[in-house]
Protein backbone atom coordinates (compact mmCIF):
# COMPACT_ATOMS: atom_id res chain seq x y z
CA MET A 1 25.21 -15.13 6.44
CA HIS A 2 26.25 -12.85 9.26
CA GLU A 3 27.67 -14.69 12.25
CA ALA A 4 25.05 -13.25 14.62
CA LEU A 5 21.88 -12.81 12.62
CA GLY A 6 19.83 -12.46 15.78
CA GLN A 7 21.79 -9.37 16.89
CA GLY A 8 23.88 -7.86 14.07
CA PRO A 9 22.77 -5.75 11.12
CA LEU A 10 21.06 -7.49 8.22
CA ARG A 11 21.95 -7.09 4.56
CA ILE A 12 18.63 -6.58 2.77
CA ALA A 13 17.98 -6.25 -0.97
CA ILE A 14 14.73 -4.75 -2.30
CA PRO A 15 13.83 -4.93 -6.02
CA ILE A 16 11.91 -1.91 -7.34
CA HIS A 17 11.20 -1.29 -11.01
CA SER A 18 11.87 2.45 -10.94
CA LEU A 19 11.71 5.66 -8.93
CA GLU A 20 8.29 6.43 -10.40
CA PRO A 21 6.69 4.51 -7.56
CA GLY A 22 3.15 3.50 -6.84
CA GLY A 23 1.84 2.80 -3.37
CA VAL A 24 3.71 -0.51 -3.04
CA GLU A 25 7.04 1.10 -3.85
CA ARG A 26 6.44 4.12 -1.59
CA VAL A 27 5.80 1.79 1.34
CA ALA A 28 8.95 -0.18 0.51
CA LEU A 29 11.09 2.97 0.40
CA GLY A 30 9.61 4.10 3.71
CA LEU A 31 10.50 0.78 5.33
CA ALA A 32 13.97 0.84 3.77
CA THR A 33 14.59 4.29 5.26
CA GLN A 34 13.67 3.03 8.73
CA TRP A 35 15.83 -0.09 8.38
CA ARG A 36 18.81 1.97 7.24
CA SER A 37 18.36 4.36 10.18
CA ALA A 38 18.42 1.33 12.50
CA GLY A 39 21.84 0.33 11.14
CA HIS A 40 20.92 -2.34 8.59
CA GLN A 41 22.51 -2.48 5.14
CA VAL A 42 19.71 -1.88 2.65
CA THR A 43 20.15 -1.84 -1.11
CA VAL A 44 17.34 -0.91 -3.49
CA VAL A 45 17.93 -2.72 -6.79
CA LEU A 46 16.38 -0.62 -9.55
CA GLY A 47 15.18 -2.00 -12.84
CA ARG A 48 15.86 1.41 -14.37
CA SER A 49 17.34 4.60 -12.96
CA GLY A 50 15.96 8.12 -13.29
CA GLY A 51 12.26 8.97 -13.39
CA SER A 52 9.97 11.74 -12.17
CA GLY A 53 10.27 10.61 -8.54
CA LEU A 54 14.07 10.91 -8.45
CA CYS A 55 14.17 14.24 -6.59
CA SER A 56 11.84 13.01 -3.83
CA ALA A 57 13.51 9.59 -3.42
CA PRO A 58 14.95 8.98 0.07
CA ALA A 59 18.72 8.82 0.57
CA LEU A 60 19.36 5.08 0.19
CA ASP A 61 21.87 2.82 -1.53
CA TYR A 62 20.50 2.39 -5.08
CA TRP A 63 21.97 -0.14 -7.50
CA SER A 64 21.20 -0.58 -11.19
CA VAL A 65 22.69 -1.95 -14.39
CA PRO A 66 23.64 0.98 -16.65
CA THR A 67 21.94 0.91 -20.04
CA ARG A 68 20.97 3.33 -22.79
CA LEU A 69 18.04 1.16 -23.78
CA ALA A 70 14.47 2.07 -22.85
CA THR A 71 13.44 -0.85 -20.63
CA ALA A 72 10.00 0.33 -19.47
CA SER A 73 8.15 -1.86 -21.98
CA TRP A 74 9.94 -5.00 -20.80
CA GLU A 75 10.63 -4.02 -17.21
CA THR A 76 10.14 -7.47 -15.64
CA PRO A 77 12.78 -9.29 -17.75
CA TRP A 78 15.16 -6.37 -17.19
CA MET A 79 14.46 -6.43 -13.45
CA ILE A 80 15.29 -10.16 -13.42
CA HIS A 81 18.57 -9.43 -15.21
CA SER A 82 19.39 -6.54 -12.85
CA LEU A 83 18.62 -8.43 -9.65
CA TYR A 84 20.49 -11.55 -10.80
CA SER A 85 23.53 -9.40 -11.61
CA PHE A 86 23.37 -7.81 -8.17
CA LEU A 87 22.98 -11.10 -6.27
CA VAL A 88 25.89 -12.66 -8.16
CA GLU A 89 28.05 -9.69 -7.20
CA ARG A 90 26.93 -9.23 -3.58
CA ARG A 91 25.76 -11.45 -0.74
CA VAL A 92 22.60 -10.56 1.14
CA ASP A 93 20.84 -12.06 4.14
CA LEU A 94 17.34 -11.59 2.76
CA LEU A 95 15.52 -10.52 -0.39
CA PHE A 96 12.41 -8.44 0.41
CA CYS A 97 9.80 -8.30 -2.37
CA PRO A 98 7.46 -5.38 -1.58
CA GLY A 99 4.45 -6.57 -3.60
CA ASN A 100 2.85 -9.28 -5.72
CA THR A 101 4.24 -7.90 -8.95
CA TYR A 102 7.77 -8.87 -7.81
CA ALA A 103 6.89 -12.53 -7.15
CA VAL A 104 7.90 -13.56 -10.68
CA VAL A 105 11.28 -11.86 -10.14
CA ALA A 106 11.85 -13.88 -6.97
CA ALA A 107 10.83 -17.11 -8.70
CA ALA A 108 13.39 -16.39 -11.42
CA MET A 109 16.08 -15.91 -8.75
CA LYS A 110 15.23 -19.32 -7.26
CA LEU A 111 15.53 -20.87 -10.71
CA LEU A 112 18.77 -19.12 -11.64
CA LEU A 113 20.58 -19.30 -8.29
CA GLY A 114 19.22 -22.57 -6.91
CA GLY A 115 20.61 -23.28 -3.47
CA HIS A 116 22.60 -20.03 -3.56
CA ALA A 117 19.45 -17.90 -3.56
CA PRO A 118 18.99 -15.88 -0.36
CA PRO A 119 15.94 -16.31 1.88
CA MET A 120 12.97 -14.53 0.32
CA MET A 121 10.08 -12.60 1.87
CA LEU A 122 6.99 -11.36 0.03
CA LYS A 123 4.69 -8.64 1.30
CA VAL A 124 1.36 -9.58 -0.27
CA SER A 125 0.10 -6.24 -1.53
CA ASN A 126 -2.88 -7.19 -3.66
CA ALA A 127 -6.02 -9.32 -3.52
CA LEU A 128 -5.51 -13.01 -4.33
CA HIS A 129 -9.13 -13.78 -5.18
CA ARG A 130 -9.60 -12.29 -8.66
CA PRO A 131 -13.19 -12.63 -9.91
CA ASP A 132 -12.40 -10.00 -12.56
CA MET A 133 -10.27 -12.56 -14.46
CA PRO A 134 -11.75 -14.88 -17.12
CA GLN A 135 -12.02 -18.45 -15.81
CA PRO A 136 -9.10 -20.00 -17.80
CA ILE A 137 -6.76 -17.19 -16.69
CA ARG A 138 -8.05 -17.42 -13.12
CA SER A 139 -7.24 -21.11 -13.06
CA GLY A 140 -3.68 -20.46 -14.23
CA TYR A 141 -3.36 -17.66 -11.70
CA GLY A 142 -4.38 -20.06 -8.92
CA THR A 143 -1.58 -22.43 -9.97
CA TRP A 144 0.89 -19.53 -9.95
CA LEU A 145 -0.19 -18.55 -6.41
CA ARG A 146 0.39 -22.09 -5.17
CA MET A 147 3.87 -21.97 -6.73
CA GLN A 148 4.58 -18.76 -4.80
CA GLY A 149 3.77 -20.62 -1.60
CA ARG A 150 6.79 -22.81 -2.36
CA VAL A 151 9.08 -20.01 -3.61
CA PHE A 152 8.94 -17.74 -0.55
CA ASP A 153 10.30 -18.54 2.88
CA SER A 154 8.04 -15.90 4.43
CA LEU A 155 4.74 -14.31 3.37
CA VAL A 156 3.46 -11.15 5.05
CA ALA A 157 -0.27 -10.42 5.17
CA LEU A 158 -1.59 -6.92 5.80
CA SER A 159 -4.50 -8.09 7.98
CA GLU A 160 -5.92 -11.22 9.62
CA PRO A 161 -8.49 -11.75 6.82
CA MET A 162 -5.62 -11.56 4.31
CA ARG A 163 -3.66 -14.17 6.29
CA ARG A 164 -6.54 -16.61 5.79
CA GLU A 165 -6.68 -15.71 2.09
CA ILE A 166 -2.94 -16.38 1.69
CA ARG A 167 -3.12 -19.76 3.42
CA GLU A 168 -6.10 -20.76 1.27
CA CYS A 169 -4.80 -19.53 -2.10
CA MET A 170 -1.07 -20.22 -1.69
CA LEU A 171 -1.41 -23.38 0.41
CA ALA A 172 1.16 -21.85 2.76
CA ASP A 173 2.13 -23.37 6.11
CA ALA A 174 1.06 -21.50 9.23
CA GLN A 175 4.66 -20.58 10.14
CA GLN A 176 5.19 -19.11 6.67
CA VAL A 177 2.53 -16.41 7.08
CA SER A 178 2.77 -13.42 9.43
CA VAL A 179 0.54 -10.36 9.82
CA ILE A 180 2.03 -6.85 9.82
CA ALA A 181 -0.28 -3.89 9.22
CA ASN A 182 0.53 -2.04 6.00
CA PRO A 183 3.12 0.62 7.03
CA VAL A 184 1.63 3.64 5.29
CA LEU A 185 2.23 6.58 7.65
CA THR A 186 5.16 7.77 9.74
CA ARG A 187 4.47 9.07 13.24
CA GLN A 188 5.30 12.58 12.08
CA ARG A 189 2.82 12.38 9.20
CA LEU A 190 0.15 10.88 11.46
CA ARG A 191 0.53 13.91 13.75
CA HIS A 192 0.40 16.29 10.78
CA LEU A 193 -2.75 14.75 9.29
CA GLY A 194 -4.31 14.53 12.74
CA ARG A 195 -4.10 18.31 13.06
CA ILE A 196 -6.29 18.91 9.99
CA GLU A 197 -9.55 20.46 11.15
CA ARG A 198 -12.60 18.90 9.54
CA ARG A 199 -15.47 21.22 8.68
CA PRO A 200 -18.88 20.33 7.23
CA PRO A 201 -18.87 20.43 3.41
CA SER A 202 -20.58 23.28 1.60
CA ALA A 203 -24.31 22.84 1.09
CA TRP A 204 -23.79 23.61 -2.59
CA GLY A 205 -20.73 21.62 -3.57
CA MET A 206 -18.80 18.55 -2.39
CA ARG A 207 -15.06 18.14 -2.98
CA TYR A 208 -14.29 14.47 -3.73
CA LEU A 209 -10.73 13.14 -3.93
CA ALA A 210 -9.44 9.97 -5.61
CA ALA A 211 -5.76 8.97 -5.62
CA GLY A 212 -3.80 6.16 -7.23
CA ARG A 213 -2.16 5.09 -10.47
CA LEU A 214 -4.31 5.53 -13.56
CA VAL A 215 -4.57 1.82 -14.36
CA ALA A 216 -7.44 -0.56 -15.10
CA GLN A 217 -7.41 -2.08 -11.60
CA LYS A 218 -8.62 1.23 -10.11
CA ASN A 219 -11.72 1.32 -12.38
CA TYR A 220 -11.76 5.10 -12.74
CA PRO A 221 -14.35 4.84 -15.58
CA LEU A 222 -16.86 3.58 -12.97
CA LEU A 223 -16.03 6.53 -10.71
CA LEU A 224 -16.40 9.04 -13.55
CA ARG A 225 -19.70 7.61 -14.76
CA ALA A 226 -21.07 7.52 -11.20
CA PHE A 227 -19.92 11.11 -10.63
CA ALA A 228 -21.52 12.23 -13.89
CA GLY A 229 -24.82 10.72 -12.75
CA ALA A 230 -24.77 12.00 -9.17
CA ALA A 231 -22.88 15.31 -9.19
CA ARG A 232 -24.49 18.68 -8.68
CA ALA A 233 -23.24 21.70 -10.60
CA ASP A 234 -20.77 22.76 -7.88
CA ASP A 235 -19.45 19.30 -6.96
CA GLN A 236 -15.78 18.76 -7.80
CA LEU A 237 -13.66 15.64 -8.27
CA THR A 238 -9.85 15.65 -8.10
CA ILE A 239 -7.91 12.60 -9.28
CA ALA A 240 -4.27 12.47 -8.13
CA GLY A 241 -2.04 10.02 -9.98
CA GLU A 242 -0.49 9.22 -13.32
CA GLY A 243 -0.57 6.18 -15.57
CA PRO A 244 -1.30 4.65 -18.96
CA GLU A 245 -5.08 5.16 -18.70
CA ARG A 246 -4.91 8.97 -18.51
CA ALA A 247 -5.71 9.80 -22.14
CA ARG A 248 -8.67 7.41 -22.17
CA LEU A 249 -10.01 8.84 -18.90
CA GLU A 250 -9.68 12.42 -20.11
CA ALA A 251 -11.61 11.47 -23.25
CA LEU A 252 -14.32 9.89 -21.11
CA VAL A 253 -14.56 13.06 -18.97
CA ASP A 254 -15.13 15.10 -22.12
CA ALA A 255 -17.71 12.63 -23.43
CA LEU A 256 -19.61 12.72 -20.13
CA GLY A 257 -19.64 16.53 -20.12
CA ILE A 258 -17.96 16.89 -16.71
CA ALA A 259 -14.64 18.44 -17.76
CA ARG A 260 -15.37 21.60 -15.74
CA GLN A 261 -15.79 19.54 -12.56
CA VAL A 262 -12.99 16.97 -12.85
CA HIS A 263 -9.33 17.86 -12.31
CA PHE A 264 -6.44 15.48 -13.06
CA ALA A 265 -3.67 16.49 -10.66
CA GLY A 266 -1.08 14.10 -12.11
CA HIS A 267 1.68 12.58 -10.00
CA VAL A 268 2.09 14.31 -6.64
CA GLY A 269 4.80 13.60 -4.09
CA SER A 270 2.30 13.86 -1.23
CA ILE A 271 -1.49 14.08 -1.21
CA ASP A 272 -1.59 15.82 2.19
CA ALA A 273 -2.51 19.22 0.76
CA LEU A 274 -5.28 17.62 -1.29
CA LEU A 275 -6.60 15.77 1.78
CA GLU A 276 -6.81 19.08 3.62
CA LYS A 277 -8.86 20.67 0.82
CA SER A 278 -11.22 17.70 0.28
CA ASP A 279 -14.49 16.63 1.90
CA ALA A 280 -14.31 12.89 1.15
CA MET A 281 -12.07 10.20 -0.32
CA VAL A 282 -13.44 7.85 -3.00
CA LEU A 283 -12.01 4.50 -4.15
CA SER A 284 -13.57 2.61 -7.08
CA SER A 285 -11.06 -0.27 -7.45
CA ASP A 286 -12.00 -3.74 -8.66
CA TYR A 287 -9.40 -5.29 -6.34
CA GLU A 288 -6.79 -4.15 -3.82
CA GLY A 289 -4.59 -5.55 -1.07
CA LEU A 290 -5.03 -2.90 1.60
CA PRO A 291 -5.26 0.53 -0.07
CA GLY A 292 -2.89 3.02 1.49
CA VAL A 293 -4.87 6.02 0.23
CA VAL A 294 -7.78 4.96 2.43
CA VAL A 295 -5.46 4.89 5.47
CA GLU A 296 -4.20 8.38 4.56
CA ALA A 297 -7.78 9.66 4.26
CA LEU A 298 -8.76 8.18 7.62
CA ALA A 299 -5.70 9.78 9.24
CA ALA A 300 -6.94 13.12 7.91
CA GLY A 301 -10.40 12.43 9.35
CA LEU A 302 -12.08 12.18 5.93
CA PRO A 303 -15.12 9.95 5.35
CA VAL A 304 -14.41 7.31 2.70
CA LEU A 305 -16.55 5.79 -0.04
CA ALA A 306 -14.90 2.53 -1.19
CA THR A 307 -15.81 -0.54 -3.16
CA ASP A 308 -15.61 -3.85 -1.32
CA CYS A 309 -12.43 -4.59 -3.25
CA CYS A 310 -10.41 -6.56 -0.68
CA VAL A 311 -10.87 -8.89 2.28
CA SER A 312 -9.39 -6.20 4.55
CA MET A 313 -11.84 -3.41 3.68
CA THR A 314 -14.34 -4.05 6.48
CA SER A 315 -11.53 -3.93 9.05
CA LEU A 316 -10.41 -0.61 7.57
CA VAL A 317 -13.66 1.28 6.95
CA GLU A 318 -16.55 1.01 9.39
CA HIS A 319 -19.69 1.20 7.25
CA GLU A 320 -21.82 4.29 8.02
CA ARG A 321 -19.40 5.39 10.77
CA THR A 322 -16.10 6.26 9.10
CA GLY A 323 -17.33 5.73 5.56
CA LEU A 324 -19.39 3.64 3.17
CA ILE A 325 -18.58 0.32 1.49
CA VAL A 326 -20.41 -0.56 -1.73
CA PRO A 327 -20.17 -3.57 -4.08
CA THR A 328 -17.51 -3.55 -6.80
CA GLY A 329 -18.49 -2.90 -10.39
CA SER A 330 -21.81 -1.10 -9.76
CA ILE A 331 -22.10 2.43 -11.15
CA GLU A 332 -25.55 2.87 -9.58
CA THR A 333 -24.57 1.98 -6.00
CA PHE A 334 -21.37 4.04 -6.23
CA ALA A 335 -23.43 7.03 -7.40
CA GLN A 336 -25.77 6.50 -4.44
CA GLY A 337 -22.74 6.46 -2.16
CA LEU A 338 -21.56 9.80 -3.57
CA VAL A 339 -24.95 11.27 -2.70
CA GLN A 340 -24.94 9.74 0.82
CA LEU A 341 -21.53 11.26 1.55
CA ARG A 342 -23.06 14.75 1.28
CA GLN A 343 -24.98 14.19 4.52
CA MET A 344 -22.30 12.13 6.26
CA ARG A 345 -20.07 13.81 8.82
CA GLY A 346 -18.33 10.58 9.71
CA ASP A 347 -16.36 10.03 12.90
CA PRO A 348 -12.94 11.70 12.48
CA GLN A 349 -11.69 10.60 15.90
CA ARG A 350 -12.49 6.94 15.21
CA ALA A 351 -11.05 7.20 11.68
CA ARG A 352 -7.76 8.54 13.02
CA SER A 353 -7.63 5.82 15.67
CA VAL A 354 -7.89 3.16 12.94
CA ALA A 355 -5.23 4.90 10.82
CA SER A 356 -2.74 4.92 13.72
CA ILE A 357 -2.44 1.12 13.42
CA TYR A 358 -0.69 1.55 10.06
CA GLU A 359 2.44 3.28 11.37
CA VAL A 360 5.78 2.82 9.61
CA GLU A 361 8.10 2.81 12.64
CA GLY A 362 6.36 -0.01 14.49
CA ALA A 363 5.99 -2.10 11.34
CA ALA A 364 9.66 -1.62 10.40
CA HIS A 365 10.73 -3.05 13.77
CA ARG A 366 8.40 -6.03 13.40
CA TYR A 367 9.72 -6.73 9.89
CA ILE A 368 13.31 -6.81 11.16
CA GLU A 369 12.41 -9.27 13.92
CA LEU A 370 10.68 -11.47 11.34
CA MET A 371 13.58 -11.19 8.88
CA GLN A 372 16.08 -12.22 11.55
CA ASP A 373 13.94 -15.21 12.43
CA VAL A 374 13.55 -16.22 8.76
CA ALA A 375 17.28 -15.82 8.06
CA ARG A 376 18.20 -17.91 11.12
CA ARG A 377 15.70 -20.62 10.19
CA CYS A 378 16.91 -20.79 6.58
CA ASP A 379 20.55 -20.86 7.67
CA HIS A 380 19.79 -23.69 10.10
CA ASP A 381 17.97 -25.67 7.39
CA ARG A 382 20.86 -25.12 4.97
CA ARG A 383 23.46 -26.31 7.49
CA ARG A 384 21.36 -29.34 8.37
CA GLY A 385 21.05 -30.20 4.66
CA LEU A 386 24.81 -29.92 4.20
CA ALA A 387 25.42 -32.15 7.21
CA ARG A 388 23.08 -34.78 5.83
CA SER A 389 24.73 -34.71 2.41
CA ALA A 390 28.18 -35.02 4.02
CA LEU A 391 27.09 -38.05 6.05
CA ALA A 392 25.36 -39.81 3.17
CA PRO A 393 28.53 -41.51 1.73
CA CYS A 394 29.49 -42.80 5.19
CA ARG A 395 26.08 -44.33 5.66
CA SER A 396 26.38 -46.03 2.28
CA LEU A 397 29.72 -47.52 3.23
CA ARG A 398 28.36 -48.83 6.57
CA ARG A 399 25.42 -50.46 4.80
CA SER A 400 27.74 -52.27 2.37
């Protein structure tokens, strides 16, 4: 540990699978950039180097284990190996896990390093209640969540409703759980998106935008089927993102006869240009933590149609003011929402006010304060444990 954790720079390690990041990883890299600018020593431990996002990756200290093997199909075991190798080689003050998917990596570090493991913080990035899971799997998942409550020294919720969810599902102590709004937008980007002028959509065609990885969680088939049922001839849907579901989704678009109206934009470094050209943002996910794309849309003044896919959604989207919230899993109600958006101007000023809460710079400062507190507390507990173990033989001798 540093001698003055309360004042000096922290050494922070962040595991990230690759530089082909989703929303969780983009947020982590944004925070890391702010921490580095503030003088802290930040290392991003990569499961694999390279990737399509390499050119747009911020200038940070990246560390990886060189290999010629393709590790994408077994990225979690390789990430465990990489992070263990790094932590054996270098000392850090805190391990920051940027999302739920990295919890198993942290648990492995606890198992492998024991008392030598650094303090660990998890930003809870996804919903913990998972009604989409079959009951036996859901039961096992509940056990795993309770284990995470014992693995991590600090758990960060993205909203007050999520804090309650974490305490309930992970059985975490009150002092373990803090709330820091999801740091999605820098001040500069907030200003840029705030300058976008919102005009009423064309009477003939609506331009819908969806953004996110093409994975099952996002339930793009529901969006496409709803769009096929509700769209007029001149309505357009753009889907920004890449992922393993792309071929299946493209086949579904062809089968539904909407290929002329649906455009797959692939991976984009920034969706700002798409936000400027769109009339509304749509989100069809089955579950989320706090979706960053919704924050981005609100910052641009766009009305949002979203499924009620997380406990934070009602604090993010104000129903019938800044957008519409519909039940998850219903093609019919999502299609109705697409129709309602045509007449909805929304409240761009209110939307942008909500989005301003999710600023990177303020969140980065709060994270550092929390990290310093966690590191001090863990160091104090460790020293107290060592003192007790050192005194134990003396107490035994006195008793005899």
